[in-house]
Structure formats: structure tokens, C-alpha cells
PDB file of N, CA and C in Angstrom:
ATOM      1  N   MET A   1       6.922 -71.502 -81.477  1.00  0.00           N
ATOM      2  CA  MET A   1       6.936 -71.723 -80.048  1.00  0.00           C
ATOM      3  C   MET A   1       7.338 -70.420 -79.339  1.00  0.00           C
ATOM      4  N   ALA A   2       6.533 -70.002 -78.406  1.00  0.00           N
ATOM      5  CA  ALA A   2       6.767 -68.743 -77.714  1.00  0.00           C
ATOM      6  C   ALA A   2       7.830 -68.916 -76.628  1.00  0.00           C
ATOM      7  N   VAL A   3       8.584 -67.855 -76.440  1.00  0.00           N
ATOM      8  CA  VAL A   3       9.611 -67.865 -75.405  1.00  0.00           C
ATOM      9  C   VAL A   3       9.049 -67.137 -74.185  1.00  0.00           C
ATOM     10  N   THR A   4       9.080 -67.788 -73.045  1.00  0.00           N
ATOM     11  CA  THR A   4       8.591 -67.148 -71.823  1.00  0.00           C
ATOM     12  C   THR A   4       9.752 -66.929 -70.863  1.00  0.00           C
ATOM     13  N   ARG A   5       9.601 -65.908 -70.082  1.00  0.00           N
ATOM     14  CA  ARG A   5      10.613 -65.586 -69.079  1.00  0.00           C
ATOM     15  C   ARG A   5       9.902 -65.554 -67.736  1.00  0.00           C
ATOM     16  N   PHE A   6      10.362 -66.328 -66.806  1.00  0.00           N
ATOM     17  CA  PHE A   6       9.712 -66.402 -65.517  1.00  0.00           C
ATOM     18  C   PHE A   6      10.046 -65.165 -64.675  1.00  0.00           C
ATOM     19  N   LYS A   7       9.021 -64.616 -64.058  1.00  0.00           N
ATOM     20  CA  LYS A   7       9.208 -63.393 -63.272  1.00  0.00           C
ATOM     21  C   LYS A   7      10.096 -63.656 -62.054  1.00  0.00           C
ATOM     22  N   ARG A   8       9.923 -64.802 -61.429  1.00  0.00           N
ATOM     23  CA  ARG A   8      10.715 -65.119 -60.243  1.00  0.00           C
ATOM     24  C   ARG A   8      12.190 -65.217 -60.610  1.00  0.00           C
ATOM     25  N   LYS A   9      12.471 -65.854 -61.743  1.00  0.00           N
ATOM     26  CA  LYS A   9      13.859 -65.990 -62.203  1.00  0.00           C
ATOM     27  C   LYS A   9      14.453 -64.617 -62.512  1.00  0.00           C
ATOM     28  N   ALA A  10      13.670 -63.745 -63.121  1.00  0.00           N
ATOM     29  CA  ALA A  10      14.148 -62.398 -63.434  1.00  0.00           C
ATOM     30  C   ALA A  10      14.482 -61.637 -62.155  1.00  0.00           C
ATOM     31  N   ARG A  11      13.611 -61.733 -61.149  1.00  0.00           N
ATOM     32  CA  ARG A  11      13.866 -61.065 -59.867  1.00  0.00           C
ATOM     33  C   ARG A  11      15.117 -61.611 -59.211  1.00  0.00           C
ATOM     34  N   LYS A  12      15.269 -62.933 -59.282  1.00  0.00           N
ATOM     35  CA  LYS A  12      16.430 -63.587 -58.672  1.00  0.00           C
ATOM     36  C   LYS A  12      17.720 -63.129 -59.358  1.00  0.00           C
ATOM     37  N   ASP A  13      17.686 -63.074 -60.684  1.00  0.00           N
ATOM     38  CA  ASP A  13      18.869 -62.644 -61.428  1.00  0.00           C
ATOM     39  C   ASP A  13      19.229 -61.194 -61.111  1.00  0.00           C
ATOM     40  N   LYS A  14      18.214 -60.328 -61.032  1.00  0.00           N
ATOM     41  CA  LYS A  14      18.471 -58.919 -60.741  1.00  0.00           C
ATOM     42  C   LYS A  14      19.022 -58.739 -59.334  1.00  0.00           C
ATOM     43  N   SER A  15      18.461 -59.478 -58.371  1.00  0.00           N
ATOM     44  CA  SER A  15      18.930 -59.331 -57.001  1.00  0.00           C
ATOM     45  C   SER A  15      20.345 -59.888 -56.855  1.00  0.00           C
ATOM     46  N   LYS A  16      20.639 -60.953 -57.594  1.00  0.00           N
ATOM     47  CA  LYS A  16      21.986 -61.539 -57.542  1.00  0.00           C
ATOM     48  C   LYS A  16      23.017 -60.551 -58.083  1.00  0.00           C
ATOM     49  N   SER A  17      22.689 -59.903 -59.203  1.00  0.00           N
ATOM     50  CA  SER A  17      23.630 -58.953 -59.781  1.00  0.00           C
ATOM     51  C   SER A  17      23.763 -57.711 -58.903  1.00  0.00           C
ATOM     52  N   ALA A  18      22.671 -57.309 -58.236  1.00  0.00           N
ATOM     53  CA  ALA A  18      22.741 -56.153 -57.327  1.00  0.00           C
ATOM     54  C   ALA A  18      23.643 -56.469 -56.142  1.00  0.00           C
ATOM     55  N   ARG A  19      23.532 -57.678 -55.603  1.00  0.00           N
ATOM     56  CA  ARG A  19      24.409 -58.081 -54.488  1.00  0.00           C
ATOM     57  C   ARG A  19      25.860 -58.080 -54.941  1.00  0.00           C
ATOM     58  N   ARG A  20      26.108 -58.569 -56.136  1.00  0.00           N
ATOM     59  CA  ARG A  20      27.473 -58.618 -56.667  1.00  0.00           C
ATOM     60  C   ARG A  20      28.036 -57.210 -56.851  1.00  0.00           C
ATOM     61  N   ARG A  21      27.205 -56.315 -57.396  1.00  0.00           N
ATOM     62  CA  ARG A  21      27.646 -54.929 -57.591  1.00  0.00           C
ATOM     63  C   ARG A  21      28.009 -54.267 -56.271  1.00  0.00           C
ATOM     64  N   THR A  22      27.154 -54.424 -55.263  1.00  0.00           N
ATOM     65  CA  THR A  22      27.434 -53.797 -53.969  1.00  0.00           C
ATOM     66  C   THR A  22      28.667 -54.419 -53.320  1.00  0.00           C
ATOM     67  N   ALA A  23      28.844 -55.726 -53.484  1.00  0.00           N
ATOM     68  CA  ALA A  23      30.023 -56.387 -52.918  1.00  0.00           C
ATOM     69  C   ALA A  23      31.295 -55.841 -53.570  1.00  0.00           C
ATOM     70  N   LEU A  24      31.250 -55.637 -54.877  1.00  0.00           N
ATOM     71  CA  LEU A  24      32.421 -55.104 -55.574  1.00  0.00           C
ATOM     72  C   LEU A  24      32.692 -53.668 -55.153  1.00  0.00           C
ATOM     73  N   LYS A  25      31.629 -52.882 -54.953  1.00  0.00           N
ATOM     74  CA  LYS A  25      31.814 -51.502 -54.509  1.00  0.00           C
ATOM     75  C   LYS A  25      32.483 -51.470 -53.142  1.00  0.00           C
ATOM     76  N   VAL A  26      32.031 -52.331 -52.238  1.00  0.00           N
ATOM     77  CA  VAL A  26      32.599 -52.380 -50.891  1.00  0.00           C
ATOM     78  C   VAL A  26      34.047 -52.856 -50.955  1.00  0.00           C
ATOM     79  N   GLU A  27      34.300 -53.832 -51.803  1.00  0.00           N
ATOM     80  CA  GLU A  27      35.640 -54.401 -51.926  1.00  0.00           C
ATOM     81  C   GLU A  27      36.635 -53.386 -52.472  1.00  0.00           C
ATOM     82  N   ASN A  28      36.192 -52.574 -53.424  1.00  0.00           N
ATOM     83  CA  ASN A  28      37.091 -51.625 -54.083  1.00  0.00           C
ATOM     84  C   ASN A  28      37.099 -50.251 -53.424  1.00  0.00           C
ATOM     85  N   PHE A  29      36.339 -50.091 -52.331  1.00  0.00           N
ATOM     86  CA  PHE A  29      36.267 -48.791 -51.672  1.00  0.00           C
ATOM     87  C   PHE A  29      37.619 -48.409 -51.097  1.00  0.00           C
ATOM     88  N   LYS A  30      38.025 -47.192 -51.393  1.00  0.00           N
ATOM     89  CA  LYS A  30      39.293 -46.691 -50.868  1.00  0.00           C
ATOM     90  C   LYS A  30      38.974 -45.462 -50.022  1.00  0.00           C
ATOM     91  N   PRO A  31      39.326 -45.466 -48.743  1.00  0.00           N
ATOM     92  CA  PRO A  31      38.990 -44.314 -47.902  1.00  0.00           C
ATOM     93  C   PRO A  31      39.711 -43.051 -48.355  1.00  0.00           C
ATOM     94  N   VAL A  32      39.107 -41.923 -48.045  1.00  0.00           N
ATOM     95  CA  VAL A  32      39.675 -40.640 -48.431  1.00  0.00           C
ATOM     96  C   VAL A  32      40.881 -40.350 -47.548  1.00  0.00           C
ATOM     97  N   ALA A  33      41.993 -40.050 -48.188  1.00  0.00           N
ATOM     98  CA  ALA A  33      43.213 -39.741 -47.447  1.00  0.00           C
ATOM     99  C   ALA A  33      43.151 -38.292 -46.989  1.00  0.00           C
ATOM    100  N   LYS A  34      43.109 -38.099 -45.679  1.00  0.00           N
ATOM    101  CA  LYS A  34      43.048 -36.745 -45.132  1.00  0.00           C
ATOM    102  C   LYS A  34      44.460 -36.268 -44.838  1.00  0.00           C
ATOM    103  N   SER A  35      44.650 -34.972 -44.951  1.00  0.00           N
ATOM    104  CA  SER A  35      45.971 -34.422 -44.622  1.00  0.00           C
ATOM    105  C   SER A  35      46.081 -34.337 -43.109  1.00  0.00           C
ATOM    106  N   VAL A  36      47.166 -34.902 -42.591  1.00  0.00           N
ATOM    107  CA  VAL A  36      47.372 -34.981 -41.149  1.00  0.00           C
ATOM    108  C   VAL A  36      48.600 -34.173 -40.775  1.00  0.00           C
ATOM    109  N   ASP A  37      48.450 -33.344 -39.745  1.00  0.00           N
ATOM    110  CA  ASP A  37      49.572 -32.542 -39.250  1.00  0.00           C
ATOM    111  C   ASP A  37      50.332 -33.368 -38.217  1.00  0.00           C
ATOM    112  N   ILE A  38      51.440 -33.950 -38.630  1.00  0.00           N
ATOM    113  CA  ILE A  38      52.215 -34.860 -37.785  1.00  0.00           C
ATOM    114  C   ILE A  38      52.846 -34.106 -36.617  1.00  0.00           C
ATOM    115  N   GLU A  39      53.333 -32.912 -36.878  1.00  0.00           N
ATOM    116  CA  GLU A  39      53.993 -32.129 -35.819  1.00  0.00           C
ATOM    117  C   GLU A  39      53.009 -31.805 -34.694  1.00  0.00           C
ATOM    118  N   LYS A  40      51.783 -31.474 -35.044  1.00  0.00           N
ATOM    119  CA  LYS A  40      50.768 -31.157 -34.042  1.00  0.00           C
ATOM    120  C   LYS A  40      50.476 -32.390 -33.172  1.00  0.00           C
ATOM    121  N   ILE A  41      50.410 -33.547 -33.786  1.00  0.00           N
ATOM    122  CA  ILE A  41      50.151 -34.790 -33.042  1.00  0.00           C
ATOM    123  C   ILE A  41      51.307 -35.081 -32.085  1.00  0.00           C
ATOM    124  N   LYS A  42      52.526 -34.872 -32.554  1.00  0.00           N
ATOM    125  CA  LYS A  42      53.702 -35.080 -31.695  1.00  0.00           C
ATOM    126  C   LYS A  42      53.657 -34.157 -30.477  1.00  0.00           C
ATOM    127  N   GLU A  43      53.259 -32.897 -30.710  1.00  0.00           N
ATOM    128  CA  GLU A  43      53.148 -31.942 -29.608  1.00  0.00           C
ATOM    129  C   GLU A  43      52.089 -32.386 -28.600  1.00  0.00           C
ATOM    130  N   GLU A  44      50.978 -32.912 -29.093  1.00  0.00           N
ATOM    131  CA  GLU A  44      49.914 -33.386 -28.204  1.00  0.00           C
ATOM    132  C   GLU A  44      50.420 -34.530 -27.329  1.00  0.00           C
ATOM    133  N   PHE A  45      51.161 -35.458 -27.916  1.00  0.00           N
ATOM    134  CA  PHE A  45      51.711 -36.564 -27.135  1.00  0.00           C
ATOM    135  C   PHE A  45      52.684 -36.058 -26.065  1.00  0.00           C
ATOM    136  N   LYS A  46      53.522 -35.102 -26.458  1.00  0.00           N
ATOM    137  CA  LYS A  46      54.474 -34.528 -25.495  1.00  0.00           C
ATOM    138  C   LYS A  46      53.726 -33.838 -24.355  1.00  0.00           C
ATOM    139  N   ALA A  47      52.650 -33.145 -24.679  1.00  0.00           N
ATOM    140  CA  ALA A  47      51.857 -32.456 -23.660  1.00  0.00           C
ATOM    141  C   ALA A  47      51.210 -33.461 -22.707  1.00  0.00           C
ATOM    142  N   LYS A  48      50.725 -34.573 -23.242  1.00  0.00           N
ATOM    143  CA  LYS A  48      50.123 -35.606 -22.404  1.00  0.00           C
ATOM    144  C   LYS A  48      51.157 -36.235 -21.477  1.00  0.00           C
ATOM    145  N   LEU A  49      52.361 -36.474 -21.999  1.00  0.00           N
ATOM    146  CA  LEU A  49      53.423 -37.054 -21.175  1.00  0.00           C
ATOM    147  C   LEU A  49      53.833 -36.078 -20.078  1.00  0.00           C
ATOM    148  N   ALA A  50      53.910 -34.805 -20.415  1.00  0.00           N
ATOM    149  CA  ALA A  50      54.279 -33.805 -19.420  1.00  0.00           C
ATOM    150  C   ALA A  50      53.207 -33.675 -18.342  1.00  0.00           C
ATOM    151  N   ALA A  51      51.947 -33.831 -18.727  1.00  0.00           N
ATOM    152  CA  ALA A  51      50.839 -33.727 -17.779  1.00  0.00           C
ATOM    153  C   ALA A  51      50.834 -34.908 -16.810  1.00  0.00           C
ATOM    154  N   LYS A  52      51.286 -36.075 -17.256  1.00  0.00           N
ATOM    155  CA  LYS A  52      51.305 -37.260 -16.415  1.00  0.00           C
ATOM    156  C   LYS A  52      52.405 -37.179 -15.344  1.00  0.00           C
ATOM    157  N   LYS A  53      53.520 -36.513 -15.677  1.00  0.00           N
ATOM    158  CA  LYS A  53      54.674 -36.452 -14.765  1.00  0.00           C
ATOM    159  C   LYS A  53      54.465 -35.516 -13.636  1.00  0.00           C
TER     160      LYS A  53
END
């Protein structure tokens, strides 16, 4: 008895696994931590407050 594999089922299985892979990639994505100059930001806020007064 020959074993057959349905093309539609194969496409469905592949698309299901592709959706799962992309979902896992999105779920596990960690943004790149950029180095931030905190002192410069503080100075900018002080400058904005001084400009408002």
C-alpha cells in the first residue's frame, strides 16, 4: 500500500510552523541597549526649564 502525502496538508503544516517561528522570534526579541549620556539629558532638561522662566 502506497503512502501519499497531501500537498495542501504539507503547505498548511509549513505555514503553521513558519507562523510559530516568527511568533517566537518576536516574543524573544530583545532591543539593543544603547549607551545613554544621562548628564547630557539632565542638562537639556535644565536648559528647557530655564528657557520657560
